[in-house]
């Protein structure tokens, strides 16, 4: 069963989530958006925006957020 966060992300991103968005959603479901944001050194607003929008403010932020979710333990 999909979580509410996953349903929202799928609405924004389409049928297949990028791997880093899937990880972001799973981690937020496991703990909280604020905890995940702190863990990857981004604001909760950026984490939230990344899940529901197919682009975030800058390419640099996208690259950094993508890399952060891929290397976060």
Protein backbone atom coordinates (compact mmCIF):
# COMPACT_ATOMS: atom_id res chain seq x y z
CA UNK A 1 0.00 0.00 0.00
CA UNK A 2 1.25 3.46 -0.88
CA UNK A 3 1.71 6.12 1.76
CA UNK A 4 0.08 9.51 1.41
CA UNK A 5 3.51 11.00 0.62
CA UNK A 6 4.10 8.44 -2.11
CA UNK A 7 0.68 9.10 -3.67
CA UNK A 8 1.41 12.84 -3.70
CA UNK A 9 4.86 12.28 -5.22
CA UNK A 10 3.43 9.97 -7.89
CA UNK A 11 0.85 12.62 -8.77
CA UNK A 12 3.65 15.12 -9.30
CA UNK A 13 6.32 12.91 -10.88
CA UNK A 14 4.24 10.38 -12.79
CA UNK A 15 4.03 6.60 -12.66
CA UNK A 16 7.71 6.05 -11.90
CA UNK A 17 9.48 8.05 -9.23
CA UNK A 18 13.16 8.90 -9.67
CA UNK A 19 15.15 6.72 -7.28
CA UNK A 20 16.18 9.65 -5.12
CA UNK A 21 12.58 10.83 -4.70
CA UNK A 22 11.52 7.29 -3.73
CA UNK A 23 14.26 7.24 -1.07
CA UNK A 24 13.23 10.68 0.14
CA UNK A 25 9.59 9.59 0.49
CA UNK A 26 10.54 6.33 2.24
CA UNK A 27 12.80 8.11 4.71
CA UNK A 28 10.15 10.74 5.48
CA UNK A 29 7.64 7.92 6.06
CA UNK A 30 10.08 6.15 8.40
CA UNK A 31 10.82 9.18 10.54
CA UNK A 32 9.72 12.69 9.61
CA UNK A 33 10.31 15.30 6.97
CA UNK A 34 12.11 17.52 9.50
CA UNK A 35 14.41 14.68 10.59
CA UNK A 36 15.26 13.80 6.99
CA UNK A 37 15.91 17.44 6.14
CA UNK A 38 18.29 17.78 9.08
CA UNK A 39 20.04 14.53 8.16
CA UNK A 40 20.80 15.69 4.62
CA UNK A 41 21.38 19.35 5.57
CA UNK A 42 18.45 20.85 3.66
CA UNK A 43 15.47 22.79 4.90
CA UNK A 44 12.19 20.93 5.39
CA UNK A 45 10.70 23.21 2.73
CA UNK A 46 13.18 22.00 0.09
CA UNK A 47 12.50 18.37 1.03
CA UNK A 48 8.76 18.95 0.76
CA UNK A 49 9.05 20.82 -2.52
CA UNK A 50 11.24 18.13 -4.09
CA UNK A 51 8.60 15.48 -3.40
CA UNK A 52 5.78 17.36 -5.07
CA UNK A 53 7.40 19.36 -7.85
CA UNK A 54 9.37 18.03 -10.76
CA UNK A 55 11.90 20.79 -10.32
CA UNK A 56 13.23 22.70 -7.36
CA UNK A 57 14.67 26.21 -7.32
CA UNK A 58 18.04 25.60 -8.95
CA UNK A 59 20.03 22.90 -10.71
CA UNK A 60 22.64 23.15 -7.96
CA UNK A 61 20.01 22.42 -5.30
CA UNK A 62 18.64 19.52 -7.33
CA UNK A 63 22.09 18.00 -7.73
CA UNK A 64 22.95 18.45 -4.06
CA UNK A 65 19.62 17.06 -2.87
CA UNK A 66 19.89 14.10 -5.24
CA UNK A 67 23.39 13.30 -4.01
CA UNK A 68 22.39 13.74 -0.37
CA UNK A 69 19.54 11.26 -0.61
CA UNK A 70 21.72 8.75 -2.43
CA UNK A 71 24.50 8.78 0.18
CA UNK A 72 22.48 9.25 3.36
CA UNK A 73 22.65 6.13 5.54
